[in-house]
Protein backbone atom coordinates (compact mmCIF):
# COMPACT_ATOMS: atom_id res chain seq x y z
CA UNK A 1 127.27 133.15 139.37
CA UNK A 2 127.02 129.50 140.48
CA UNK A 3 127.27 128.50 144.14
CA UNK A 4 127.02 124.72 143.62
CA UNK A 5 130.79 124.31 144.04
CA UNK A 6 132.18 122.07 146.75
CA UNK A 7 135.58 123.66 147.43
CA UNK A 8 135.27 125.74 150.58
CA UNK A 9 137.23 128.78 149.41
CA UNK A 10 135.43 128.89 146.06
CA UNK A 11 132.04 128.74 147.79
CA UNK A 12 133.04 131.44 150.29
CA UNK A 13 134.38 133.79 147.60
CA UNK A 14 131.74 133.41 144.88
CA UNK A 15 129.23 136.28 145.03
CA UNK A 16 125.75 136.18 143.56
CA UNK A 17 125.00 138.49 140.63
CA UNK A 18 121.99 140.72 141.40
CA UNK A 19 122.20 143.08 138.43
CA UNK A 20 125.01 144.32 136.18
CA UNK A 21 128.00 145.33 138.33
CA UNK A 22 126.17 144.54 141.59
CA UNK A 23 126.77 141.33 143.55
CA UNK A 24 125.71 139.93 146.90
CA UNK A 25 127.91 137.88 149.19
CA UNK A 26 127.85 136.70 152.79
CA UNK A 27 130.80 136.53 155.15
CA UNK A 28 130.83 133.72 157.70
CA UNK A 29 132.45 133.39 161.11
CA UNK A 30 134.44 130.30 160.15
CA UNK A 31 136.51 132.57 157.87
CA UNK A 32 137.26 135.03 160.68
CA UNK A 33 140.57 136.46 161.72
CA UNK A 34 139.95 138.72 164.67
CA UNK A 35 136.83 140.86 164.25
CA UNK A 36 135.95 139.85 160.69
CA UNK A 37 136.65 137.62 157.72
CA UNK A 38 140.34 137.47 156.80
CA UNK A 39 141.52 139.70 153.99
CA UNK A 40 142.20 136.86 151.57
CA UNK A 41 138.56 135.81 151.33
CA UNK A 42 137.35 139.42 151.14
CA UNK A 43 139.79 140.22 148.35
CA UNK A 44 139.16 136.90 146.65
CA UNK A 45 135.45 137.69 146.53
CA UNK A 46 136.14 141.13 145.08
CA UNK A 47 138.46 139.74 142.41
CA UNK A 48 136.01 136.99 141.47
CA UNK A 49 133.32 139.64 140.95
CA UNK A 50 135.71 141.68 138.79
CA UNK A 51 136.57 138.65 136.67
CA UNK A 52 132.87 137.93 136.18
CA UNK A 53 132.20 141.55 135.22
CA UNK A 54 135.05 141.56 132.69
CA UNK A 55 134.17 138.10 131.30
CA UNK A 56 137.25 137.97 129.09
CA UNK A 57 139.49 134.92 129.58
CA UNK A 58 141.98 136.38 127.11
CA UNK A 59 142.71 139.18 129.62
CA UNK A 60 143.81 137.55 132.88
CA UNK A 61 144.45 139.67 135.93
CA UNK A 62 147.98 141.08 136.04
CA UNK A 63 147.80 143.36 139.09
CA UNK A 64 145.30 143.57 141.95
CA UNK A 65 145.28 146.01 144.87
CA UNK A 66 142.95 145.93 147.86
CA UNK A 67 142.57 148.45 150.69
CA UNK A 68 140.87 147.15 153.84
CA UNK A 69 138.73 149.78 155.51
CA UNK A 70 136.68 147.99 158.19
CA UNK A 71 136.05 144.43 159.46
CA UNK A 72 134.09 142.13 157.13
CA UNK A 73 131.67 141.12 159.88
CA UNK A 74 129.42 138.09 159.59
CA UNK A 75 126.43 138.71 157.37
CA UNK A 76 125.45 140.01 153.97
CA UNK A 77 127.59 142.42 151.95
CA UNK A 78 127.50 143.95 148.47
CA UNK A 79 130.25 143.96 145.86
CA UNK A 80 130.12 146.78 143.33
CA UNK A 81 132.32 146.65 140.21
CA UNK A 82 133.15 149.15 137.51
CA UNK A 83 135.12 148.92 134.27
CA UNK A 84 137.09 152.16 134.20
CA UNK A 85 138.63 151.71 130.78
CA UNK A 86 138.98 148.90 128.26
CA UNK A 87 141.82 149.47 125.79
CA UNK A 88 143.16 147.35 122.97
CA UNK A 89 145.07 144.99 125.29
CA UNK A 90 144.48 146.21 128.85
CA UNK A 91 141.39 146.74 130.99
CA UNK A 92 141.35 148.71 134.24
CA UNK A 93 138.58 148.08 136.77
CA UNK A 94 137.64 149.03 140.33
CA UNK A 95 135.66 147.28 143.04
CA UNK A 96 134.00 148.21 146.31
CA UNK A 97 132.81 145.89 149.10
CA UNK A 98 130.29 147.34 151.52
CA UNK A 99 127.74 146.29 154.10
CA UNK A 100 125.01 148.12 156.00
CA UNK A 101 127.63 149.76 158.24
CA UNK A 102 129.57 151.22 155.30
CA UNK A 103 132.62 150.44 153.22
CA UNK A 104 134.55 147.24 153.98
CA UNK A 105 137.20 147.36 151.24
CA UNK A 106 138.01 149.09 147.97
CA UNK A 107 140.27 147.85 145.22
CA UNK A 108 141.47 148.07 141.66
CA UNK A 109 142.74 145.60 139.08
CA UNK A 110 144.52 145.58 135.75
CA UNK A 111 143.68 142.83 133.28
CA UNK A 112 145.93 142.38 130.26
CA UNK A 113 146.17 140.21 127.18
CA UNK A 114 149.39 138.33 126.49
CA UNK A 115 152.07 140.26 124.63
CA UNK A 116 153.79 137.29 123.03
CA UNK A 117 157.44 137.67 122.07
CA UNK A 118 158.13 140.30 124.74
CA UNK A 119 161.15 140.23 127.04
CA UNK A 120 161.16 137.31 129.49
CA UNK A 121 163.57 136.52 132.35
CA UNK A 122 163.57 135.45 136.00
CA UNK A 123 166.50 136.23 138.29
CA UNK A 124 164.75 134.94 141.41
CA UNK A 125 165.03 131.40 142.72
CA UNK A 126 162.87 129.78 145.39
CA UNK A 127 164.44 129.22 148.81
CA UNK A 128 165.86 125.77 149.49
CA UNK A 129 163.31 123.92 151.61
CA UNK A 130 162.37 120.26 152.05
CA UNK A 131 159.63 118.81 149.81
CA UNK A 132 156.18 119.45 151.23
CA UNK A 133 155.50 115.90 152.40
CA UNK A 134 158.81 115.92 154.33
CA UNK A 135 157.54 118.84 156.43
CA UNK A 136 155.02 118.03 159.18
CA UNK A 137 151.63 119.69 158.81
CA UNK A 138 150.66 122.08 161.59
CA UNK A 139 148.56 120.10 164.11
CA UNK A 140 144.91 121.03 164.46
CA UNK A 141 145.33 121.88 168.15
CA UNK A 142 147.83 124.71 167.49
CA UNK A 143 146.04 128.05 168.19
CA UNK A 144 145.43 129.81 164.86
CA UNK A 145 142.71 132.13 163.48
CA UNK A 146 139.41 130.48 162.58
CA UNK A 147 139.93 130.70 158.80
CA UNK A 148 143.11 128.61 159.03
CA UNK A 149 141.07 125.43 159.46
CA UNK A 150 140.38 125.63 155.71
CA UNK A 151 144.10 125.36 154.85
CA UNK A 152 146.94 122.95 155.45
CA UNK A 153 150.10 124.70 156.68
CA UNK A 154 153.62 123.25 156.66
CA UNK A 155 155.91 125.89 158.21
CA UNK A 156 159.52 125.57 157.05
CA UNK A 157 160.79 129.15 156.60
CA UNK A 158 161.86 131.66 159.22
CA UNK A 159 160.48 131.64 162.73
CA UNK A 160 157.14 131.27 164.43
CA UNK A 161 155.05 134.35 165.25
CA UNK A 162 155.80 135.96 168.65
CA UNK A 163 159.13 134.12 168.93
CA UNK A 164 161.29 137.24 169.22
CA UNK A 165 163.48 136.31 166.25
CA UNK A 166 166.17 138.65 164.90
CA UNK A 167 164.78 138.22 161.35
CA UNK A 168 161.20 138.93 160.28
CA UNK A 169 160.55 135.93 158.06
CA UNK A 170 157.93 133.20 157.95
CA UNK A 171 156.36 130.86 155.44
CA UNK A 172 156.23 127.35 154.09
CA UNK A 173 154.06 125.00 152.08
CA UNK A 174 150.37 125.69 151.86
CA UNK A 175 147.23 124.35 150.18
CA UNK A 176 143.46 124.24 150.78
CA UNK A 177 142.32 121.25 152.83
CA UNK A 178 139.82 120.49 150.08
CA UNK A 179 141.52 119.93 146.69
CA UNK A 180 140.86 123.11 144.72
CA UNK A 181 142.00 124.22 141.29
CA UNK A 182 144.22 127.28 141.74
CA UNK A 183 142.65 130.35 140.18
CA UNK A 184 143.51 134.02 140.74
CA UNK A 185 141.07 134.58 143.66
CA UNK A 186 142.39 131.49 145.47
CA UNK A 187 145.97 132.66 144.88
CA UNK A 188 145.07 135.92 146.63
CA UNK A 189 143.64 133.87 149.49
CA UNK A 190 146.82 131.82 149.80
CA UNK A 191 149.01 134.92 149.75
CA UNK A 192 147.16 136.30 152.77
CA UNK A 193 146.91 133.05 154.74
CA UNK A 194 150.27 133.03 156.56
CA UNK A 195 150.79 135.38 159.51
CA UNK A 196 152.70 138.63 158.92
CA UNK A 197 156.45 138.08 158.92
CA UNK A 198 156.91 141.04 161.28
CA UNK A 199 155.26 139.05 164.06
CA UNK A 200 158.30 136.75 164.11
CA UNK A 201 160.24 139.60 165.74
CA UNK A 202 157.58 140.19 168.40
CA UNK A 203 157.84 138.61 171.85
CA UNK A 204 154.38 137.78 173.12
CA UNK A 205 151.04 138.11 171.39
CA UNK A 206 150.31 141.30 169.43
CA UNK A 207 147.32 141.57 167.07
CA UNK A 208 147.94 142.63 163.47
CA UNK A 209 145.77 143.54 160.50
CA UNK A 210 146.30 144.15 156.79
CA UNK A 211 146.04 147.77 155.66
CA UNK A 212 146.41 146.98 151.95
CA UNK A 213 148.19 144.70 149.52
CA UNK A 214 149.09 144.51 145.85
CA UNK A 215 149.49 141.20 144.04
CA UNK A 216 151.31 140.89 140.70
CA UNK A 217 150.47 137.77 138.70
CA UNK A 218 153.06 136.29 136.32
CA UNK A 219 150.96 133.52 134.76
CA UNK A 220 147.33 133.19 133.69
CA UNK A 221 145.33 130.96 136.03
CA UNK A 222 144.26 128.20 136.17
CA UNK A 223 147.67 126.96 135.02
CA UNK A 224 147.76 123.74 132.95
CA UNK A 225 149.30 120.83 134.80
CA UNK A 226 148.67 122.12 138.34
CA UNK A 227 146.72 119.48 140.25
CA UNK A 228 143.94 120.47 142.67
CA UNK A 229 145.88 118.95 145.59
CA UNK A 230 149.18 120.68 144.75
CA UNK A 231 151.24 122.33 147.47
CA UNK A 232 152.50 125.90 147.05
CA UNK A 233 155.50 127.50 148.70
CA UNK A 234 154.58 130.85 150.17
CA UNK A 235 157.46 133.03 151.39
CA UNK A 236 157.19 136.12 153.58
CA UNK A 237 159.85 138.63 154.63
CA UNK A 238 159.57 142.03 156.32
CA UNK A 239 162.47 144.46 156.16
CA UNK A 240 161.01 147.59 157.67
CA UNK A 241 158.67 148.57 160.48
CA UNK A 242 157.94 151.87 162.17
CA UNK A 243 155.19 153.74 164.02
CA UNK A 244 153.04 150.63 164.20
CA UNK A 245 153.27 149.69 160.50
CA UNK A 246 155.32 146.92 158.86
CA UNK A 247 155.87 145.86 155.27
CA UNK A 248 155.75 142.26 154.04
CA UNK A 249 157.13 141.05 150.72
CA UNK A 250 155.77 137.67 149.63
CA UNK A 251 156.09 135.17 146.79
CA UNK A 252 154.12 132.09 145.77
CA UNK A 253 155.95 129.23 144.04
CA UNK A 254 154.89 125.88 142.61
CA UNK A 255 156.55 122.68 143.77
CA UNK A 256 158.70 122.67 140.62
CA UNK A 257 159.93 126.23 141.14
CA UNK A 258 157.61 128.35 138.99
CA UNK A 259 157.01 131.83 140.44
CA UNK A 260 153.26 132.39 140.16
CA UNK A 261 152.93 135.78 141.84
CA UNK A 262 154.39 138.21 144.32
CA UNK A 263 152.70 140.46 146.85
CA UNK A 264 153.59 143.54 148.84
CA UNK A 265 151.54 144.10 151.99
CA UNK A 266 151.34 146.80 154.61
CA UNK A 267 150.35 145.62 158.07
CA UNK A 268 149.46 147.45 161.24
CA UNK A 269 150.88 145.81 164.35
CA UNK A 270 148.92 146.79 167.43
CA UNK A 271 149.85 146.90 171.08
CA UNK A 272 152.62 148.47 173.15
């Protein structure tokens, strides 16, 4: 797989093919969140390897689940893919990311061809927020994890992390700092870029980490008409937390109100 791509996220999430179903990648400290690379770039790398293994543009990813087992520390890692079953319209595949210390993450994906003429509806509507350019971008001097320097954030939903809000909600407009065509791996990276909504209800700093997430894609990507510098509205809302774990339900919308995907995450919130 080519590495001569200029967009930062694409370069960071494009593994090198070593042999069939075996890829090599390298995680870097500038993509860190805490003790390792943030989940979005780990999962994006895994999904990009799965897409390369499948090599069937007529079967875009429809569902992708990733379980995070240990920090993706700086250095070399391997991505192992496997096609579990390829049916007439649907392919199921699994992926494993590991380094010399052991397993980093494991995942699975479902790829499916279009079933034209099937039932279509959308009862959801995006929240009412100002246009992206009417919302100030987060200044560079605001303390955020290292990987955030690769994205432009415009918070306009819910409350800031650690603000002690009564509602666990956060989100806003988001895009890579370098114009990048939105594909499925980048979408996964955007979904995981905002802080967990549960942290809005916390007073004072508490570290958090993703246990797992599942993304459901509603449109094949890249999507015609989406410009590389487009903004995306990423919502996040948590409705339940207990025993150190919190859920997070997220959506990603285009500027003109198209729902691209939704995600359900489970976070661990650490501390007393």
